[in-house]
Amino acid sequence: MSPRRILIAIITLVLCLAPALSVQAAEEAKTYKIKMATLAPEGSSWMKRFHEASRAIEKKSGGRLKLKIYAGGIMGDEPDVIRKIRIGQLQGAAVTGIGLGIIQPAVRVLDLPFLFKSYEELDYIRETLSSDFEKMFEERGYVLLGWGDVGWIHVFSNQPVTTQDELLATKLWAWVDDPLAHSMFKEVGVKGIPLSLPAVLPHLQTGLINAAYGSPLSTLALQWYTKVKYMSDLPITMANAAVVVSKKSFDALPKDLQVLLKEEGKNMQQMLIDQVRRDNEESLKVLKKYGIKVTNTQPEFLQEMKRAAEAVSNQLAGTLYPPELLAHVKELLEARRNPPTE
């Protein structure tokens, strides 16, 4: 081939590749922003980890992917946040079981009272059924980036709650839009006062309510401790949380950014879980220093609460979560607690 023909071939090849290279260069130069919301207040363990993950994602992506996190409920309660994701105002959220239940009700099986006896059991179930839960979220149009904890949930009140009668005498907050809590209240006989989570502190101040439920860390972070005097020693349930992003927003990202977002989600999951568990222990110590007294639950009250929990778990099977999912979780826990002997 003559030099002239070789030159023409090279020029032709360059001209053919130029559009593709231009598209690739434009794609690599394009930036993406994911706006997320959470009820977690600034300065809390949750927000510290979210900011760390956000910085890591921006650095590793070379500034192509950025996370904007709206903290402290400024985007509203969790039902408001999920609605804003659906209309595209937000792309993701860090939510508790309330928000997760709106997205995929079946996941509330993890929040059933007295289901787990330890953190290790919760970790085991979430890990064993991880692919199942991820698929459940995707069916509803969301990608699960990572799990988180709120912690063991206790009743905090202005009067001791050691018996069922004492519980019934409280003006207890009930998180609006929480079918699990409302079913438990009804079974025990409590007439809860439905409020959004941001409304709890103002109404503890006004006296509309005089009791609420949360973990030591959330009670400290949300400043409820300033308006209550007692904490029940009864851990009613382990409250779950998770970080999710809409599948539509996730699918719009280039593949390398999808991989990065999932990797950082998993990194944040483990760091956040470890941190929150440590902070719940420390928060309990701080609450005691602030004068919160921990009360001892009477055995009869404990048995009544466990009876109510079992009744509620059966009532909600088929409406909140599939009966077979509940049965599978219980089977896994039973096998782990009582391994076969050789």
Protein backbone atom coordinates (compact mmCIF):
# COMPACT_ATOMS: atom_id res chain seq x y z
CA MET A 1 0.00 0.00 0.00
CA SER A 2 1.32 3.39 -1.00
CA PRO A 3 2.07 6.05 1.63
CA ARG A 4 -0.77 8.13 0.22
CA ARG A 5 -3.30 5.32 0.72
CA ILE A 6 -2.01 4.65 4.23
CA LEU A 7 -2.48 8.32 5.11
CA ILE A 8 -6.01 8.31 3.69
CA ALA A 9 -6.82 5.17 5.75
CA ILE A 10 -5.51 6.76 8.94
CA ILE A 11 -7.49 9.95 8.36
CA THR A 12 -10.62 7.92 7.63
CA LEU A 13 -10.17 5.90 10.83
CA VAL A 14 -9.67 9.04 12.92
CA LEU A 15 -12.77 10.62 11.45
CA CYS A 16 -14.80 7.48 12.21
CA LEU A 17 -13.54 7.28 15.78
CA ALA A 18 -13.88 10.97 16.53
CA PRO A 19 -17.65 10.97 17.27
CA ALA A 20 -17.31 7.96 19.56
CA LEU A 21 -14.35 9.51 21.35
CA SER A 22 -16.23 12.79 21.69
CA VAL A 23 -19.22 11.01 23.23
CA GLN A 24 -16.94 9.11 25.62
CA ALA A 25 -15.13 12.30 26.62
CA ALA A 26 -18.42 14.09 27.18
CA GLU A 27 -19.69 11.20 29.28
CA GLU A 28 -16.54 11.18 31.40
CA ALA A 29 -16.80 14.93 31.91
CA LYS A 30 -20.47 14.83 32.92
CA THR A 31 -21.27 15.28 36.61
CA TYR A 32 -24.11 13.77 38.61
CA LYS A 33 -25.76 14.79 41.86
CA ILE A 34 -27.87 12.60 44.13
CA LYS A 35 -30.00 14.50 46.63
CA MET A 36 -30.88 12.52 49.75
CA ALA A 37 -32.81 13.27 52.94
CA THR A 38 -32.90 11.89 56.47
CA LEU A 39 -34.40 12.63 59.86
CA ALA A 40 -30.98 12.20 61.45
CA PRO A 41 -29.82 15.54 62.89
CA GLU A 42 -26.54 17.19 61.96
CA GLY A 43 -23.79 16.23 64.36
CA SER A 44 -25.25 12.76 64.97
CA SER A 45 -23.35 9.54 64.31
CA TRP A 46 -25.49 8.89 61.27
CA MET A 47 -24.73 12.25 59.67
CA LYS A 48 -21.01 12.02 60.39
CA ARG A 49 -20.84 8.75 58.47
CA PHE A 50 -23.02 10.08 55.65
CA HIS A 51 -20.68 13.03 55.19
CA GLU A 52 -17.65 10.72 55.21
CA ALA A 53 -19.24 8.56 52.51
CA SER A 54 -20.18 11.64 50.50
CA ARG A 55 -16.59 12.93 50.55
CA ALA A 56 -15.23 9.51 49.60
CA ILE A 57 -17.61 9.21 46.65
CA GLU A 58 -16.77 12.67 45.36
CA LYS A 59 -13.03 12.04 45.69
CA LYS A 60 -13.02 8.58 44.12
CA SER A 61 -15.22 9.71 41.25
CA GLY A 62 -12.99 12.68 40.51
CA GLY A 63 -15.87 15.01 41.28
CA ARG A 64 -18.22 13.33 38.79
CA LEU A 65 -20.64 12.11 41.48
CA LYS A 66 -21.74 14.22 44.43
CA LEU A 67 -24.18 13.56 47.26
CA LYS A 68 -26.27 16.33 48.78
CA ILE A 69 -27.75 15.28 52.11
CA TYR A 70 -30.63 17.14 53.77
CA ALA A 71 -30.52 16.37 57.49
CA GLY A 72 -32.75 16.86 60.50
CA GLY A 73 -36.09 16.34 58.77
CA ILE A 74 -35.95 19.58 56.77
CA MET A 75 -37.49 17.64 53.87
CA GLY A 76 -40.31 16.45 56.14
CA ASP A 77 -41.14 13.19 57.85
CA GLU A 78 -40.30 9.93 56.11
CA PRO A 79 -43.61 9.68 54.18
CA ASP A 80 -42.88 13.17 52.81
CA VAL A 81 -39.38 12.12 51.79
CA ILE A 82 -40.59 9.00 49.96
CA ARG A 83 -43.19 11.09 48.11
CA LYS A 84 -40.47 13.55 47.05
CA ILE A 85 -38.35 10.68 45.74
CA ARG A 86 -41.29 9.44 43.68
CA ILE A 87 -41.78 12.83 42.02
CA GLY A 88 -38.05 13.29 41.44
CA GLN A 89 -37.43 16.10 43.91
CA LEU A 90 -35.07 13.76 45.78
CA GLN A 91 -33.18 10.72 44.53
CA GLY A 92 -32.64 8.83 47.76
CA ALA A 93 -32.92 8.72 51.53
CA ALA A 94 -31.64 7.25 54.75
CA VAL A 95 -34.80 6.05 56.47
CA THR A 96 -36.00 3.95 59.39
CA GLY A 97 -38.54 1.15 59.20
CA ILE A 98 -41.32 3.69 58.60
CA GLY A 99 -39.89 4.83 55.27
CA LEU A 100 -38.72 1.35 54.36
CA GLY A 101 -42.21 0.02 55.03
CA ILE A 102 -43.73 2.57 52.66
CA ILE A 103 -41.31 1.47 49.96
CA GLN A 104 -41.50 -2.27 50.65
CA PRO A 105 -43.79 -3.35 53.53
CA ALA A 106 -42.30 -6.86 53.67
CA VAL A 107 -39.09 -5.48 55.18
CA ARG A 108 -40.97 -4.60 58.37
CA VAL A 109 -40.65 -8.23 59.38
CA LEU A 110 -37.21 -7.17 60.67
CA ASP A 111 -38.84 -4.71 63.09
CA LEU A 112 -41.15 -7.19 64.82
CA PRO A 113 -41.06 -6.85 68.62
CA PHE A 114 -38.98 -9.47 70.45
CA LEU A 115 -38.00 -11.20 67.18
CA PHE A 116 -34.26 -10.84 67.76
CA LYS A 117 -32.30 -11.52 70.92
CA SER A 118 -29.03 -9.95 69.82
CA TYR A 119 -27.32 -7.81 67.22
CA GLU A 120 -25.69 -10.97 65.90
CA GLU A 121 -29.07 -12.50 65.09
CA LEU A 122 -30.16 -9.38 63.22
CA ASP A 123 -26.88 -9.32 61.24
CA TYR A 124 -27.30 -13.00 60.42
CA ILE A 125 -30.80 -12.57 59.00
CA ARG A 126 -29.98 -9.43 57.01
CA GLU A 127 -26.88 -11.11 55.54
CA THR A 128 -28.55 -14.44 54.84
CA LEU A 129 -31.52 -12.83 53.11
CA SER A 130 -29.59 -9.91 51.56
CA SER A 131 -30.24 -10.89 47.94
CA ASP A 132 -33.93 -11.45 48.70
CA PHE A 133 -34.32 -8.02 50.29
CA GLU A 134 -32.37 -6.32 47.48
CA LYS A 135 -34.71 -7.91 44.94
CA MET A 136 -37.76 -6.81 46.95
CA PHE A 137 -36.57 -3.20 46.88
CA GLU A 138 -35.79 -3.33 43.17
CA GLU A 139 -39.31 -4.59 42.49
CA ARG A 140 -40.55 -1.35 44.06
CA GLY A 141 -38.15 0.84 42.09
CA TYR A 142 -35.35 1.28 44.65
CA VAL A 143 -31.76 0.15 45.11
CA LEU A 144 -30.67 -0.83 48.62
CA LEU A 145 -27.23 0.70 49.21
CA GLY A 146 -26.77 -0.42 52.81
CA TRP A 147 -28.42 -1.28 56.11
CA GLY A 148 -28.18 0.68 59.32
CA ASP A 149 -29.42 0.53 62.90
CA VAL A 150 -31.44 2.83 65.08
CA GLY A 151 -30.87 0.54 68.03
CA TRP A 152 -32.85 -1.26 70.69
CA ILE A 153 -36.11 0.56 71.32
CA HIS A 154 -37.24 1.49 74.84
CA VAL A 155 -40.08 3.56 76.28
CA PHE A 156 -39.00 6.94 77.65
CA SER A 157 -41.50 8.69 79.90
CA ASN A 158 -42.20 11.19 82.67
CA GLN A 159 -43.47 8.48 84.99
CA PRO A 160 -42.16 4.95 85.60
CA VAL A 161 -43.40 2.27 83.18
CA THR A 162 -42.89 -1.10 84.83
CA THR A 163 -46.39 -2.60 84.47
CA GLN A 164 -49.11 -2.67 81.86
CA ASP A 165 -51.30 -0.34 83.93
CA GLU A 166 -48.48 2.19 84.11
CA LEU A 167 -48.04 2.01 80.35
CA LEU A 168 -51.78 2.51 79.78
CA ALA A 169 -51.68 5.59 82.00
CA THR A 170 -49.17 7.36 79.74
CA LYS A 171 -49.91 9.71 76.86
CA LEU A 172 -47.67 7.76 74.51
CA TRP A 173 -46.56 9.00 71.11
CA ALA A 174 -47.43 6.78 68.15
CA TRP A 175 -45.50 7.38 64.94
CA VAL A 176 -48.13 8.16 62.34
CA ASP A 177 -48.13 5.80 59.31
CA ASP A 178 -46.62 2.94 61.33
CA PRO A 179 -48.99 -0.05 61.05
CA LEU A 180 -46.72 -2.24 63.17
CA ALA A 181 -46.67 0.14 66.14
CA HIS A 182 -50.39 0.83 65.90
CA SER A 183 -51.16 -2.90 65.86
CA MET A 184 -48.97 -3.43 68.93
CA PHE A 185 -50.63 -0.51 70.72
CA LYS A 186 -54.08 -1.90 69.97
CA GLU A 187 -53.15 -5.39 71.17
CA VAL A 188 -51.74 -4.07 74.46
CA GLY A 189 -54.60 -1.59 74.91
CA VAL A 190 -52.60 1.63 74.53
CA LYS A 191 -54.31 4.62 72.92
CA GLY A 192 -51.32 6.19 71.23
CA ILE A 193 -51.28 9.81 70.10
CA PRO A 194 -50.28 9.83 66.41
CA LEU A 195 -47.66 12.43 65.47
CA SER A 196 -44.86 12.79 62.95
CA LEU A 197 -41.40 12.31 64.40
CA PRO A 198 -40.42 16.03 64.14
CA ALA A 199 -43.52 16.85 66.24
CA VAL A 200 -42.47 14.69 69.20
CA LEU A 201 -40.19 17.16 70.99
CA PRO A 202 -42.58 20.15 70.72
CA HIS A 203 -45.46 18.05 72.08
CA LEU A 204 -43.35 16.62 74.90
CA GLN A 205 -42.80 20.28 75.78
CA THR A 206 -46.51 21.15 75.66
CA GLY A 207 -47.60 18.01 77.51
CA LEU A 208 -49.76 16.62 74.70
CA ILE A 209 -47.63 13.51 75.12
CA ASN A 210 -45.53 12.47 78.11
CA ALA A 211 -43.93 9.33 76.72
CA ALA A 212 -42.19 8.24 73.52
CA TYR A 213 -40.15 5.30 72.29
CA GLY A 214 -36.68 5.27 70.78
CA SER A 215 -33.12 4.11 71.24
CA PRO A 216 -30.79 5.78 73.75
CA LEU A 217 -28.88 7.38 70.86
CA SER A 218 -31.96 8.72 69.07
CA THR A 219 -33.44 10.01 72.33
CA LEU A 220 -30.23 11.89 73.01
CA ALA A 221 -29.74 13.15 69.44
CA LEU A 222 -33.34 14.35 69.11
CA GLN A 223 -33.18 16.01 72.55
CA TRP A 224 -36.17 14.13 73.92
CA TYR A 225 -34.11 13.38 77.03
CA THR A 226 -34.68 16.98 78.13
CA LYS A 227 -38.40 16.30 78.60
CA VAL A 228 -38.49 12.78 80.08
CA LYS A 229 -37.33 11.27 83.36
CA TYR A 230 -37.47 7.48 82.96
CA MET A 231 -36.38 4.77 80.55
CA SER A 232 -37.86 1.29 80.64
CA ASP A 233 -35.22 -1.45 80.70
CA LEU A 234 -37.36 -3.51 78.30
CA PRO A 235 -35.86 -3.64 74.76
CA ILE A 236 -39.06 -3.97 72.74
CA THR A 237 -37.51 -4.28 69.30
CA MET A 238 -34.42 -3.62 67.24
CA ALA A 239 -35.26 -0.75 64.87
CA ASN A 240 -33.77 -1.03 61.40
CA ALA A 241 -32.70 1.66 58.98
CA ALA A 242 -31.29 1.69 55.47
CA VAL A 243 -29.96 3.94 52.71
CA VAL A 244 -31.86 3.64 49.44
CA VAL A 245 -31.78 5.41 46.08
CA SER A 246 -34.38 5.35 43.35
CA LYS A 247 -33.61 2.75 40.68
CA LYS A 248 -34.35 5.32 37.99
CA SER A 249 -31.61 7.62 39.32
CA PHE A 250 -29.23 4.71 39.87
CA ASP A 251 -29.73 3.37 36.34
CA ALA A 252 -29.02 6.84 34.91
CA LEU A 253 -25.46 6.70 36.30
CA PRO A 254 -22.56 5.33 34.23
CA LYS A 255 -21.61 1.78 35.19
CA ASP A 256 -18.43 2.81 37.00
CA LEU A 257 -20.35 5.25 39.20
CA GLN A 258 -22.98 2.60 39.93
CA VAL A 259 -20.23 0.28 41.14
CA LEU A 260 -18.67 3.06 43.22
CA LEU A 261 -21.97 4.01 44.82
CA LYS A 262 -22.69 0.40 45.81
CA GLU A 263 -19.17 -0.14 47.14
CA GLU A 264 -19.31 2.98 49.29
CA GLY A 265 -22.80 2.02 50.43
CA LYS A 266 -21.46 -1.27 51.76
CA ASN A 267 -18.47 0.44 53.37
CA MET A 268 -20.76 2.95 55.05
CA GLN A 269 -23.08 0.16 56.19
CA GLN A 270 -20.46 -1.58 58.29
CA MET A 271 -18.92 1.63 59.67
CA LEU A 272 -22.34 3.06 60.51
CA ILE A 273 -23.61 -0.09 62.21
CA ASP A 274 -20.46 -0.40 64.33
CA GLN A 275 -20.53 3.29 65.24
CA VAL A 276 -24.22 3.41 66.13
CA ARG A 277 -23.95 0.34 68.35
CA ARG A 278 -21.06 1.85 70.26
CA ASP A 279 -22.84 5.19 70.48
CA ASN A 280 -26.02 3.62 71.85
CA GLU A 281 -23.99 2.20 74.73
CA GLU A 282 -22.33 5.54 75.37
CA SER A 283 -25.63 7.40 75.01
CA LEU A 284 -27.19 5.31 77.77
CA LYS A 285 -24.35 6.34 80.08
CA VAL A 286 -24.88 9.99 79.13
CA LEU A 287 -28.64 9.76 79.71
CA LYS A 288 -28.02 8.40 83.19
CA LYS A 289 -25.66 11.31 83.88
CA TYR A 290 -28.46 13.68 82.85
CA GLY A 291 -30.69 12.07 85.46
CA ILE A 292 -32.68 9.56 83.39
CA LYS A 293 -33.62 6.64 85.66
CA VAL A 294 -33.82 3.13 84.21
CA THR A 295 -36.82 1.19 85.55
CA ASN A 296 -37.18 -2.57 86.00
CA THR A 297 -39.98 -4.22 84.03
CA GLN A 298 -42.23 -6.52 86.06
CA PRO A 299 -42.24 -10.16 84.85
CA GLU A 300 -46.01 -10.15 84.23
CA PHE A 301 -45.70 -7.09 82.01
CA LEU A 302 -42.86 -8.68 80.03
CA GLN A 303 -44.94 -11.78 79.39
CA GLU A 304 -47.92 -9.67 78.30
CA MET A 305 -45.75 -7.72 75.87
CA LYS A 306 -44.33 -10.93 74.40
CA ARG A 307 -47.84 -12.36 74.04
CA ALA A 308 -48.99 -9.21 72.27
CA ALA A 309 -45.94 -9.28 70.00
CA GLU A 310 -46.64 -12.85 68.93
CA ALA A 311 -50.28 -12.00 68.22
CA VAL A 312 -49.29 -8.96 66.16
CA SER A 313 -46.69 -10.88 64.14
CA ASN A 314 -49.40 -13.35 63.13
CA GLN A 315 -51.99 -10.63 62.46
CA LEU A 316 -49.73 -8.75 60.06
CA ALA A 317 -48.62 -11.84 58.15
CA GLY A 318 -50.28 -11.60 54.77
CA THR A 319 -50.98 -7.87 54.98
CA LEU A 320 -47.63 -6.29 55.86
CA TYR A 321 -45.27 -9.12 54.93
CA PRO A 322 -45.72 -12.58 53.36
CA PRO A 323 -46.43 -15.35 55.90
CA GLU A 324 -43.73 -17.48 54.28
CA LEU A 325 -41.14 -14.74 54.87
CA LEU A 326 -41.97 -14.60 58.57
CA ALA A 327 -41.86 -18.40 58.76
CA HIS A 328 -38.49 -18.48 56.98
CA VAL A 329 -36.97 -15.87 59.31
CA LYS A 330 -38.18 -17.80 62.35
CA GLU A 331 -36.83 -21.06 60.95
CA LEU A 332 -33.42 -19.50 60.34
CA LEU A 333 -33.32 -18.07 63.86
CA GLU A 334 -34.41 -21.35 65.42
CA ALA A 335 -31.74 -23.28 63.51
CA ARG A 336 -29.09 -20.79 64.58
CA ARG A 337 -30.15 -20.84 68.22
CA ASN A 338 -30.40 -24.63 68.36
CA PRO A 339 -27.87 -26.13 65.93
CA PRO A 340 -28.17 -29.90 65.41
CA THR A 341 -25.87 -31.97 67.59
CA GLU A 342 -23.67 -34.55 65.98
